[in-house]
């Protein structure tokens, strides 16, 4: 039986007016999703966000909670919800629709290429994730939502490039597995930032440390420890046999660059830990060696 017919949203391709075969122009055909998400963000900024920020400031008059901190709290709460939904969707696809391509069994990810079935639900995740990244970039340019720093802008550009390449060359299984692995830490990141935004409220400080430990641990495992075996090894072992040399080199180079960013961020996370919790020596347990990028 054709796997596409088994997918619960097999009508997606027709609904989004996509090509029958995945092609990078699909991202252009669905760019309206990014503008729709941006419109929702702008509406939330001008309505719900103002109400929540005002309410938070009134709830903590003694602590003098600043409006900018309350705004950061709202932005990260919103991103925590969105990243949780996207992560749950990605892991559902990884477990149920990815033909055994998982972070703990990544050797299956490139089997039978280029004849792998491109399931609509896999294409949906690639497209929605790409357009969400684009929405964040446009939101930063317009001053809506949480602003991306320069390193995050570079990261988004590199990830969106890899998404286009993976989608166009039918590395959908592999891309879903990779995004699922990295997405694990996103909800914890934004939850930790939520608590940090409420730093003026004493009752949140005990939870802030726990959230930061949880995020740092998961980030290290999912984005630093696992990728060399789960993500980089299968690609570097197979991609030069599957793609023209110039595309393979560009693809692998982009992946190594993205992984390098994760190591760089982990070092910065440990530095933040040392500054915020100077009495704790627990951070050193997360650092596997002294040769990390800085």
C-alpha atoms as a PDB file:
ATOM      1  CA  UNK A   1       0.000   0.000   0.000  1.00  0.00           C
ATOM      2  CA  UNK A   2       1.226   3.469  -0.836  1.00  0.00           C
ATOM      3  CA  UNK A   3       2.394   5.238   2.335  1.00  0.00           C
ATOM      4  CA  UNK A   4       0.981   8.554   1.159  1.00  0.00           C
ATOM      5  CA  UNK A   5      -2.537   7.107   1.274  1.00  0.00           C
ATOM      6  CA  UNK A   6      -1.932   5.956   4.846  1.00  0.00           C
ATOM      7  CA  UNK A   7      -1.126   9.459   6.012  1.00  0.00           C
ATOM      8  CA  UNK A   8      -4.076  11.126   7.801  1.00  0.00           C
ATOM      9  CA  UNK A   9      -3.517  14.400   5.928  1.00  0.00           C
ATOM     10  CA  UNK A  10      -2.861  13.038   2.451  1.00  0.00           C
ATOM     11  CA  UNK A  11      -4.840  15.919   0.927  1.00  0.00           C
ATOM     12  CA  UNK A  12      -2.246  18.417   2.142  1.00  0.00           C
ATOM     13  CA  UNK A  13      -0.302  18.492  -1.135  1.00  0.00           C
ATOM     14  CA  UNK A  14      -3.361  19.591  -3.073  1.00  0.00           C
ATOM     15  CA  UNK A  15      -4.479  22.028  -0.384  1.00  0.00           C
ATOM     16  CA  UNK A  16      -1.143  23.850  -0.378  1.00  0.00           C
ATOM     17  CA  UNK A  17      -0.852  23.627  -4.182  1.00  0.00           C
ATOM     18  CA  UNK A  18       2.531  21.905  -3.937  1.00  0.00           C
ATOM     19  CA  UNK A  19       4.312  20.031  -6.682  1.00  0.00           C
ATOM     20  CA  UNK A  20       3.811  16.261  -6.718  1.00  0.00           C
ATOM     21  CA  UNK A  21       7.550  15.922  -6.135  1.00  0.00           C
ATOM     22  CA  UNK A  22       9.183  18.002  -3.360  1.00  0.00           C
ATOM     23  CA  UNK A  23      10.945  21.018  -4.838  1.00  0.00           C
ATOM     24  CA  UNK A  24      12.431  24.098  -3.199  1.00  0.00           C
ATOM     25  CA  UNK A  25       9.886  26.347  -4.947  1.00  0.00           C
ATOM     26  CA  UNK A  26       7.302  24.900  -2.543  1.00  0.00           C
ATOM     27  CA  UNK A  27       8.731  27.240   0.084  1.00  0.00           C
ATOM     28  CA  UNK A  28       7.951  30.201  -2.175  1.00  0.00           C
ATOM     29  CA  UNK A  29       4.450  28.891  -2.891  1.00  0.00           C
ATOM     30  CA  UNK A  30       3.705  28.716   0.832  1.00  0.00           C
ATOM     31  CA  UNK A  31       5.351  31.970   1.937  1.00  0.00           C
ATOM     32  CA  UNK A  32       1.862  33.194   2.780  1.00  0.00           C
ATOM     33  CA  UNK A  33       2.113  31.016   5.895  1.00  0.00           C
ATOM     34  CA  UNK A  34       4.980  33.191   7.176  1.00  0.00           C
ATOM     35  CA  UNK A  35       2.965  36.356   6.544  1.00  0.00           C
ATOM     36  CA  UNK A  36      -0.085  34.813   8.225  1.00  0.00           C
ATOM     37  CA  UNK A  37       2.000  33.922  11.288  1.00  0.00           C
ATOM     38  CA  UNK A  38       3.500  37.418  11.303  1.00  0.00           C
ATOM     39  CA  UNK A  39       0.023  38.965  11.146  1.00  0.00           C
ATOM     40  CA  UNK A  40      -1.048  36.851  14.119  1.00  0.00           C
ATOM     41  CA  UNK A  41       2.057  37.945  16.031  1.00  0.00           C
ATOM     42  CA  UNK A  42       1.414  41.617  15.273  1.00  0.00           C
ATOM     43  CA  UNK A  43      -2.196  41.276  16.400  1.00  0.00           C
ATOM     44  CA  UNK A  44      -1.148  39.548  19.639  1.00  0.00           C
ATOM     45  CA  UNK A  45       1.474  42.255  20.266  1.00  0.00           C
ATOM     46  CA  UNK A  46      -1.103  45.006  19.946  1.00  0.00           C
ATOM     47  CA  UNK A  47      -3.797  43.317  22.027  1.00  0.00           C
ATOM     48  CA  UNK A  48      -3.198  40.346  24.316  1.00  0.00           C
ATOM     49  CA  UNK A  49       0.433  41.172  25.051  1.00  0.00           C
ATOM     50  CA  UNK A  50      -0.402  44.665  26.323  1.00  0.00           C
ATOM     51  CA  UNK A  51      -3.055  43.263  28.646  1.00  0.00           C
ATOM     52  CA  UNK A  52      -0.739  40.578  30.053  1.00  0.00           C
ATOM     53  CA  UNK A  53       2.192  42.977  30.517  1.00  0.00           C
ATOM     54  CA  UNK A  54      -0.021  45.490  32.349  1.00  0.00           C
ATOM     55  CA  UNK A  55      -1.458  42.750  34.574  1.00  0.00           C
ATOM     56  CA  UNK A  56       1.975  41.348  35.452  1.00  0.00           C
ATOM     57  CA  UNK A  57       3.301  44.759  36.432  1.00  0.00           C
ATOM     58  CA  UNK A  58       0.282  45.338  38.690  1.00  0.00           C
ATOM     59  CA  UNK A  59       0.752  41.938  40.348  1.00  0.00           C
ATOM     60  CA  UNK A  60       4.300  42.758  41.476  1.00  0.00           C
ATOM     61  CA  UNK A  61       4.341  46.435  42.541  1.00  0.00           C
ATOM     62  CA  UNK A  62       6.714  45.841  45.454  1.00  0.00           C
ATOM     63  CA  UNK A  63       9.259  44.115  43.215  1.00  0.00           C
ATOM     64  CA  UNK A  64       8.994  46.897  40.610  1.00  0.00           C
ATOM     65  CA  UNK A  65       8.690  44.483  37.709  1.00  0.00           C
ATOM     66  CA  UNK A  66       9.651  46.437  34.614  1.00  0.00           C
ATOM     67  CA  UNK A  67       7.429  46.458  31.551  1.00  0.00           C
ATOM     68  CA  UNK A  68      10.347  45.263  29.415  1.00  0.00           C
ATOM     69  CA  UNK A  69      10.752  42.192  31.660  1.00  0.00           C
ATOM     70  CA  UNK A  70       7.030  41.479  31.558  1.00  0.00           C
ATOM     71  CA  UNK A  71       7.216  41.782  27.767  1.00  0.00           C
ATOM     72  CA  UNK A  72      10.099  39.293  27.660  1.00  0.00           C
ATOM     73  CA  UNK A  73       8.058  36.943  29.831  1.00  0.00           C
ATOM     74  CA  UNK A  74       5.135  37.089  27.406  1.00  0.00           C
ATOM     75  CA  UNK A  75       7.317  36.633  24.304  1.00  0.00           C
ATOM     76  CA  UNK A  76       9.027  33.573  25.747  1.00  0.00           C
ATOM     77  CA  UNK A  77       5.764  32.106  27.051  1.00  0.00           C
ATOM     78  CA  UNK A  78       4.373  32.377  23.524  1.00  0.00           C
ATOM     79  CA  UNK A  79       7.497  30.785  22.029  1.00  0.00           C
ATOM     80  CA  UNK A  80       7.450  28.043  24.670  1.00  0.00           C
ATOM     81  CA  UNK A  81       3.939  27.059  23.578  1.00  0.00           C
ATOM     82  CA  UNK A  82       4.758  27.217  19.853  1.00  0.00           C
ATOM     83  CA  UNK A  83       8.018  25.273  20.225  1.00  0.00           C
ATOM     84  CA  UNK A  84       6.250  22.627  22.315  1.00  0.00           C
ATOM     85  CA  UNK A  85       3.594  22.159  19.623  1.00  0.00           C
ATOM     86  CA  UNK A  86       6.181  22.003  16.821  1.00  0.00           C
ATOM     87  CA  UNK A  87       8.380  19.640  18.816  1.00  0.00           C
ATOM     88  CA  UNK A  88       5.459  17.338  19.616  1.00  0.00           C
ATOM     89  CA  UNK A  89       4.468  17.271  15.934  1.00  0.00           C
ATOM     90  CA  UNK A  90       8.038  16.527  14.866  1.00  0.00           C
ATOM     91  CA  UNK A  91       8.420  13.663  17.320  1.00  0.00           C
ATOM     92  CA  UNK A  92       5.040  12.228  16.316  1.00  0.00           C
ATOM     93  CA  UNK A  93       6.253  12.181  12.713  1.00  0.00           C
ATOM     94  CA  UNK A  94       9.627  10.737  13.748  1.00  0.00           C
ATOM     95  CA  UNK A  95       8.064   7.859  15.663  1.00  0.00           C
ATOM     96  CA  UNK A  96       5.040   7.103  13.471  1.00  0.00           C
ATOM     97  CA  UNK A  97       5.856   8.183   9.909  1.00  0.00           C
ATOM     98  CA  UNK A  98       9.642   8.290   9.516  1.00  0.00           C
ATOM     99  CA  UNK A  99      10.290   4.652   8.579  1.00  0.00           C
ATOM    100  CA  UNK A 100      12.538   3.886  11.587  1.00  0.00           C
ATOM    101  CA  UNK A 101      14.717   6.957  11.037  1.00  0.00           C
ATOM    102  CA  UNK A 102      15.301   8.144  14.596  1.00  0.00           C
ATOM    103  CA  UNK A 103      18.224   9.707  16.498  1.00  0.00           C
ATOM    104  CA  UNK A 104      19.009   6.283  17.983  1.00  0.00           C
ATOM    105  CA  UNK A 105      18.720   4.524  14.610  1.00  0.00           C
ATOM    106  CA  UNK A 106      19.881   7.124  12.096  1.00  0.00           C
ATOM    107  CA  UNK A 107      21.446   4.557   9.744  1.00  0.00           C
ATOM    108  CA  UNK A 108      17.936   4.012   8.358  1.00  0.00           C
ATOM    109  CA  UNK A 109      17.539   7.661   7.388  1.00  0.00           C
ATOM    110  CA  UNK A 110      19.218   7.487   3.971  1.00  0.00           C
ATOM    111  CA  UNK A 111      18.283   3.911   3.041  1.00  0.00           C
ATOM    112  CA  UNK A 112      16.547   3.447  -0.338  1.00  0.00           C
ATOM    113  CA  UNK A 113      17.338   7.048  -1.353  1.00  0.00           C
ATOM    114  CA  UNK A 114      16.254   8.597  -3.757  1.00  0.00           C
ATOM    115  CA  UNK A 115      13.160   6.378  -3.790  1.00  0.00           C
ATOM    116  CA  UNK A 116      11.959   7.300  -0.304  1.00  0.00           C
ATOM    117  CA  UNK A 117       8.287   8.227  -0.049  1.00  0.00           C
ATOM    118  CA  UNK A 118       7.720  11.923   0.547  1.00  0.00           C
ATOM    119  CA  UNK A 119       4.787  11.827   2.964  1.00  0.00           C
ATOM    120  CA  UNK A 120       2.547  14.915   3.105  1.00  0.00           C
ATOM    121  CA  UNK A 121       2.987  15.155   6.871  1.00  0.00           C
ATOM    122  CA  UNK A 122       6.775  15.262   6.443  1.00  0.00           C
ATOM    123  CA  UNK A 123       6.452  18.001   3.863  1.00  0.00           C
ATOM    124  CA  UNK A 124       4.070  19.864   6.164  1.00  0.00           C
ATOM    125  CA  UNK A 125       6.624  19.952   8.957  1.00  0.00           C
ATOM    126  CA  UNK A 126       9.420  21.163   6.677  1.00  0.00           C
ATOM    127  CA  UNK A 127       7.214  23.910   5.253  1.00  0.00           C
ATOM    128  CA  UNK A 128       5.707  25.092   8.545  1.00  0.00           C
ATOM    129  CA  UNK A 129       9.111  25.090  10.280  1.00  0.00           C
ATOM    130  CA  UNK A 130      10.705  27.028   7.416  1.00  0.00           C
ATOM    131  CA  UNK A 131       7.923  29.611   7.379  1.00  0.00           C
ATOM    132  CA  UNK A 132       8.046  29.942  11.180  1.00  0.00           C
ATOM    133  CA  UNK A 133      11.776  30.691  10.964  1.00  0.00           C
ATOM    134  CA  UNK A 134      11.061  33.233   8.227  1.00  0.00           C
ATOM    135  CA  UNK A 135       8.336  34.774  10.399  1.00  0.00           C
ATOM    136  CA  UNK A 136      10.833  35.198  13.251  1.00  0.00           C
ATOM    137  CA  UNK A 137      13.309  36.900  10.917  1.00  0.00           C
ATOM    138  CA  UNK A 138      10.644  39.277   9.585  1.00  0.00           C
ATOM    139  CA  UNK A 139       9.355  39.883  13.109  1.00  0.00           C
ATOM    140  CA  UNK A 140      12.831  40.914  14.221  1.00  0.00           C
ATOM    141  CA  UNK A 141      13.045  43.361  11.311  1.00  0.00           C
ATOM    142  CA  UNK A 142       9.656  44.853  12.253  1.00  0.00           C
ATOM    143  CA  UNK A 143      10.253  44.857  16.010  1.00  0.00           C
ATOM    144  CA  UNK A 144       7.552  42.279  16.723  1.00  0.00           C
ATOM    145  CA  UNK A 145       8.011  39.552  19.322  1.00  0.00           C
ATOM    146  CA  UNK A 146      11.335  38.349  20.690  1.00  0.00           C
ATOM    147  CA  UNK A 147      14.161  39.921  18.680  1.00  0.00           C
ATOM    148  CA  UNK A 148      16.760  37.561  17.228  1.00  0.00           C
ATOM    149  CA  UNK A 149      20.384  38.394  17.941  1.00  0.00           C
ATOM    150  CA  UNK A 150      22.982  38.324  15.162  1.00  0.00           C
ATOM    151  CA  UNK A 151      24.127  34.772  15.891  1.00  0.00           C
ATOM    152  CA  UNK A 152      20.513  33.579  15.829  1.00  0.00           C
ATOM    153  CA  UNK A 153      19.922  35.334  12.505  1.00  0.00           C
ATOM    154  CA  UNK A 154      22.939  33.531  11.069  1.00  0.00           C
ATOM    155  CA  UNK A 155      21.698  30.259  12.566  1.00  0.00           C
ATOM    156  CA  UNK A 156      18.241  30.720  11.048  1.00  0.00           C
ATOM    157  CA  UNK A 157      19.756  31.445   7.629  1.00  0.00           C
ATOM    158  CA  UNK A 158      21.914  28.298   7.797  1.00  0.00           C
ATOM    159  CA  UNK A 159      19.044  26.094   9.003  1.00  0.00           C
ATOM    160  CA  UNK A 160      16.659  27.423   6.356  1.00  0.00           C
ATOM    161  CA  UNK A 161      19.314  26.709   3.717  1.00  0.00           C
ATOM    162  CA  UNK A 162      19.655  23.125   4.959  1.00  0.00           C
ATOM    163  CA  UNK A 163      15.866  22.792   4.975  1.00  0.00           C
ATOM    164  CA  UNK A 164      15.705  23.823   1.318  1.00  0.00           C
ATOM    165  CA  UNK A 165      18.480  21.412   0.351  1.00  0.00           C
ATOM    166  CA  UNK A 166      17.061  18.527   2.376  1.00  0.00           C
ATOM    167  CA  UNK A 167      13.568  19.095   0.979  1.00  0.00           C
ATOM    168  CA  UNK A 168      14.734  19.464  -2.612  1.00  0.00           C
ATOM    169  CA  UNK A 169      16.992  16.393  -2.508  1.00  0.00           C
ATOM    170  CA  UNK A 170      14.390  14.260  -0.685  1.00  0.00           C
ATOM    171  CA  UNK A 171      16.230  13.974   2.633  1.00  0.00           C
ATOM    172  CA  UNK A 172      12.910  14.351   4.430  1.00  0.00           C
ATOM    173  CA  UNK A 173      13.366  11.474   6.878  1.00  0.00           C
ATOM    174  CA  UNK A 174      16.827  12.657   7.768  1.00  0.00           C
ATOM    175  CA  UNK A 175      15.735  16.270   8.197  1.00  0.00           C
ATOM    176  CA  UNK A 176      12.777  15.340  10.406  1.00  0.00           C
ATOM    177  CA  UNK A 177      15.058  13.282  12.650  1.00  0.00           C
ATOM    178  CA  UNK A 178      17.586  16.115  12.917  1.00  0.00           C
ATOM    179  CA  UNK A 179      15.009  18.812  13.649  1.00  0.00           C
ATOM    180  CA  UNK A 180      13.321  16.595  16.219  1.00  0.00           C
ATOM    181  CA  UNK A 181      16.587  16.072  18.067  1.00  0.00           C
ATOM    182  CA  UNK A 182      17.397  19.788  18.165  1.00  0.00           C
ATOM    183  CA  UNK A 183      13.835  20.864  18.980  1.00  0.00           C
ATOM    184  CA  UNK A 184      13.852  19.024  22.319  1.00  0.00           C
ATOM    185  CA  UNK A 185      15.647  21.867  24.074  1.00  0.00           C
ATOM    186  CA  UNK A 186      13.578  24.765  22.690  1.00  0.00           C
ATOM    187  CA  UNK A 187      10.633  24.648  25.146  1.00  0.00           C
ATOM    188  CA  UNK A 188      13.064  24.431  28.077  1.00  0.00           C
ATOM    189  CA  UNK A 189      15.032  27.393  26.714  1.00  0.00           C
ATOM    190  CA  UNK A 190      11.982  29.627  26.579  1.00  0.00           C
ATOM    191  CA  UNK A 191      10.662  28.401  29.926  1.00  0.00           C
ATOM    192  CA  UNK A 192      14.018  29.262  31.490  1.00  0.00           C
ATOM    193  CA  UNK A 193      13.898  32.705  29.851  1.00  0.00           C
ATOM    194  CA  UNK A 194      10.369  33.204  31.196  1.00  0.00           C
ATOM    195  CA  UNK A 195      11.589  32.703  34.745  1.00  0.00           C
ATOM    196  CA  UNK A 196      14.624  34.893  34.128  1.00  0.00           C
ATOM    197  CA  UNK A 197      12.324  37.719  33.021  1.00  0.00           C
ATOM    198  CA  UNK A 198      10.648  37.528  36.447  1.00  0.00           C
ATOM    199  CA  UNK A 199      13.957  37.793  38.280  1.00  0.00           C
ATOM    200  CA  UNK A 200      12.666  40.710  40.376  1.00  0.00           C
ATOM    201  CA  UNK A 201      10.102  38.407  42.020  1.00  0.00           C
ATOM    202  CA  UNK A 202      11.884  36.446  44.804  1.00  0.00           C
ATOM    203  CA  UNK A 203       9.518  33.459  44.697  1.00  0.00           C
ATOM    204  CA  UNK A 204      10.633  32.577  41.148  1.00  0.00           C
ATOM    205  CA  UNK A 205      14.343  32.322  41.905  1.00  0.00           C
ATOM    206  CA  UNK A 206      14.249  28.770  43.234  1.00  0.00           C
ATOM    207  CA  UNK A 207      12.560  27.592  40.021  1.00  0.00           C
ATOM    208  CA  UNK A 208      14.904  29.615  37.835  1.00  0.00           C
ATOM    209  CA  UNK A 209      17.937  27.544  38.815  1.00  0.00           C
ATOM    210  CA  UNK A 210      16.123  24.234  38.290  1.00  0.00           C
ATOM    211  CA  UNK A 211      14.883  25.343  34.869  1.00  0.00           C
ATOM    212  CA  UNK A 212      18.368  26.463  33.846  1.00  0.00           C
ATOM    213  CA  UNK A 213      19.917  23.141  34.929  1.00  0.00           C
ATOM    214  CA  UNK A 214      17.263  21.219  32.974  1.00  0.00           C
ATOM    215  CA  UNK A 215      17.750  23.319  29.849  1.00  0.00           C
ATOM    216  CA  UNK A 216      21.554  23.127  29.979  1.00  0.00           C
ATOM    217  CA  UNK A 217      21.515  19.356  30.444  1.00  0.00           C
ATOM    218  CA  UNK A 218      19.075  18.732  27.598  1.00  0.00           C
ATOM    219  CA  UNK A 219      20.867  21.199  25.311  1.00  0.00           C
ATOM    220  CA  UNK A 220      24.177  19.424  25.906  1.00  0.00           C
ATOM    221  CA  UNK A 221      22.754  15.961  25.204  1.00  0.00           C
ATOM    222  CA  UNK A 222      20.553  16.909  22.226  1.00  0.00           C
ATOM    223  CA  UNK A 223      22.716  19.510  20.492  1.00  0.00           C
ATOM    224  CA  UNK A 224      26.310  18.745  21.488  1.00  0.00           C
ATOM    225  CA  UNK A 225      26.671  15.107  22.529  1.00  0.00           C
ATOM    226  CA  UNK A 226      24.306  13.266  20.156  1.00  0.00           C
ATOM    227  CA  UNK A 227      24.677  15.074  16.779  1.00  0.00           C
ATOM    228  CA  UNK A 228      28.146  13.704  15.855  1.00  0.00           C
ATOM    229  CA  UNK A 229      26.773  10.144  15.791  1.00  0.00           C
ATOM    230  CA  UNK A 230      23.088  10.735  15.056  1.00  0.00           C
ATOM    231  CA  UNK A 231      23.343  13.574  12.530  1.00  0.00           C
ATOM    232  CA  UNK A 232      26.862  14.155  11.202  1.00  0.00           C
ATOM    233  CA  UNK A 233      28.098  10.574  10.842  1.00  0.00           C
ATOM    234  CA  UNK A 234      25.327   9.245   8.524  1.00  0.00           C
ATOM    235  CA  UNK A 235      25.479  12.369   6.369  1.00  0.00           C
ATOM    236  CA  UNK A 236      29.259  12.432   5.998  1.00  0.00           C
ATOM    237  CA  UNK A 237      29.288   8.691   5.332  1.00  0.00           C
ATOM    238  CA  UNK A 238      26.626   8.747   2.606  1.00  0.00           C
ATOM    239  CA  UNK A 239      25.948  12.178   1.168  1.00  0.00           C
ATOM    240  CA  UNK A 240      29.081  12.319  -1.022  1.00  0.00           C
ATOM    241  CA  UNK A 241      27.902   9.095  -2.684  1.00  0.00           C
ATOM    242  CA  UNK A 242      24.381  10.420  -3.221  1.00  0.00           C
ATOM    243  CA  UNK A 243      24.828  14.017  -4.378  1.00  0.00           C
ATOM    244  CA  UNK A 244      27.146  15.857  -6.764  1.00  0.00           C
ATOM    245  CA  UNK A 245      30.356  16.787  -4.961  1.00  0.00           C
ATOM    246  CA  UNK A 246      29.649  20.536  -4.843  1.00  0.00           C
ATOM    247  CA  UNK A 247      26.171  20.039  -3.337  1.00  0.00           C
ATOM    248  CA  UNK A 248      27.433  17.413  -0.912  1.00  0.00           C
ATOM    249  CA  UNK A 249      30.267  19.675   0.252  1.00  0.00           C
ATOM    250  CA  UNK A 250      27.904  22.626   0.689  1.00  0.00           C
ATOM    251  CA  UNK A 251      25.381  20.502   2.584  1.00  0.00           C
ATOM    252  CA  UNK A 252      27.956  18.973   4.933  1.00  0.00           C
ATOM    253  CA  UNK A 253      29.660  22.344   5.396  1.00  0.00           C
ATOM    254  CA  UNK A 254      26.354  23.931   6.427  1.00  0.00           C
ATOM    255  CA  UNK A 255      25.725  21.104   8.884  1.00  0.00           C
ATOM    256  CA  UNK A 256      29.172  21.454  10.444  1.00  0.00           C
ATOM    257  CA  UNK A 257      28.635  25.202  10.732  1.00  0.00           C
ATOM    258  CA  UNK A 258      25.301  24.688  12.514  1.00  0.00           C
ATOM    259  CA  UNK A 259      26.867  22.143  14.856  1.00  0.00           C
ATOM    260  CA  UNK A 260      29.727  24.554  15.564  1.00  0.00           C
ATOM    261  CA  UNK A 261      27.145  27.154  16.585  1.00  0.00           C
ATOM    262  CA  UNK A 262      25.649  24.692  19.070  1.00  0.00           C
ATOM    263  CA  UNK A 263      29.049  24.136  20.701  1.00  0.00           C
ATOM    264  CA  UNK A 264      29.648  27.896  20.769  1.00  0.00           C
ATOM    265  CA  UNK A 265      26.270  28.463  22.414  1.00  0.00           C
ATOM    266  CA  UNK A 266      26.907  25.733  24.961  1.00  0.00           C
ATOM    267  CA  UNK A 267      30.116  27.441  26.039  1.00  0.00           C
ATOM    268  CA  UNK A 268      28.158  30.707  26.369  1.00  0.00           C
ATOM    269  CA  UNK A 269      25.474  28.911  28.400  1.00  0.00           C
ATOM    270  CA  UNK A 270      28.120  27.624  30.814  1.00  0.00           C
ATOM    271  CA  UNK A 271      29.518  31.169  31.103  1.00  0.00           C
ATOM    272  CA  UNK A 272      26.033  32.466  31.944  1.00  0.00           C
ATOM    273  CA  UNK A 273      25.738  29.749  34.582  1.00  0.00           C
ATOM    274  CA  UNK A 274      29.002  30.793  36.207  1.00  0.00           C
ATOM    275  CA  UNK A 275      27.894  34.430  36.335  1.00  0.00           C
ATOM    276  CA  UNK A 276      24.395  33.779  37.664  1.00  0.00           C
ATOM    277  CA  UNK A 277      25.318  31.011  40.097  1.00  0.00           C
ATOM    278  CA  UNK A 278      28.944  31.751  41.061  1.00  0.00           C
ATOM    279  CA  UNK A 279      28.835  29.516  44.136  1.00  0.00           C
ATOM    280  CA  UNK A 280      27.898  26.462  42.074  1.00  0.00           C
ATOM    281  CA  UNK A 281      30.467  24.249  40.458  1.00  0.00           C
ATOM    282  CA  UNK A 282      27.910  22.054  38.757  1.00  0.00           C
ATOM    283  CA  UNK A 283      28.474  23.678  35.374  1.00  0.00           C
ATOM    284  CA  UNK A 284      31.857  22.044  34.916  1.00  0.00           C
ATOM    285  CA  UNK A 285      30.210  18.632  34.772  1.00  0.00           C
ATOM    286  CA  UNK A 286      28.576  19.631  31.480  1.00  0.00           C
ATOM    287  CA  UNK A 287      31.864  20.500  29.744  1.00  0.00           C
ATOM    288  CA  UNK A 288      33.300  17.347  28.112  1.00  0.00           C
ATOM    289  CA  UNK A 289      36.709  18.835  27.321  1.00  0.00           C
ATOM    290  CA  UNK A 290      38.609  22.118  27.221  1.00  0.00           C
ATOM    291  CA  UNK A 291      38.945  22.291  23.456  1.00  0.00           C
ATOM    292  CA  UNK A 292      35.454  23.661  22.731  1.00  0.00           C
ATOM    293  CA  UNK A 293      35.026  26.509  20.325  1.00  0.00           C
ATOM    294  CA  UNK A 294      34.777  29.902  21.981  1.00  0.00           C
END
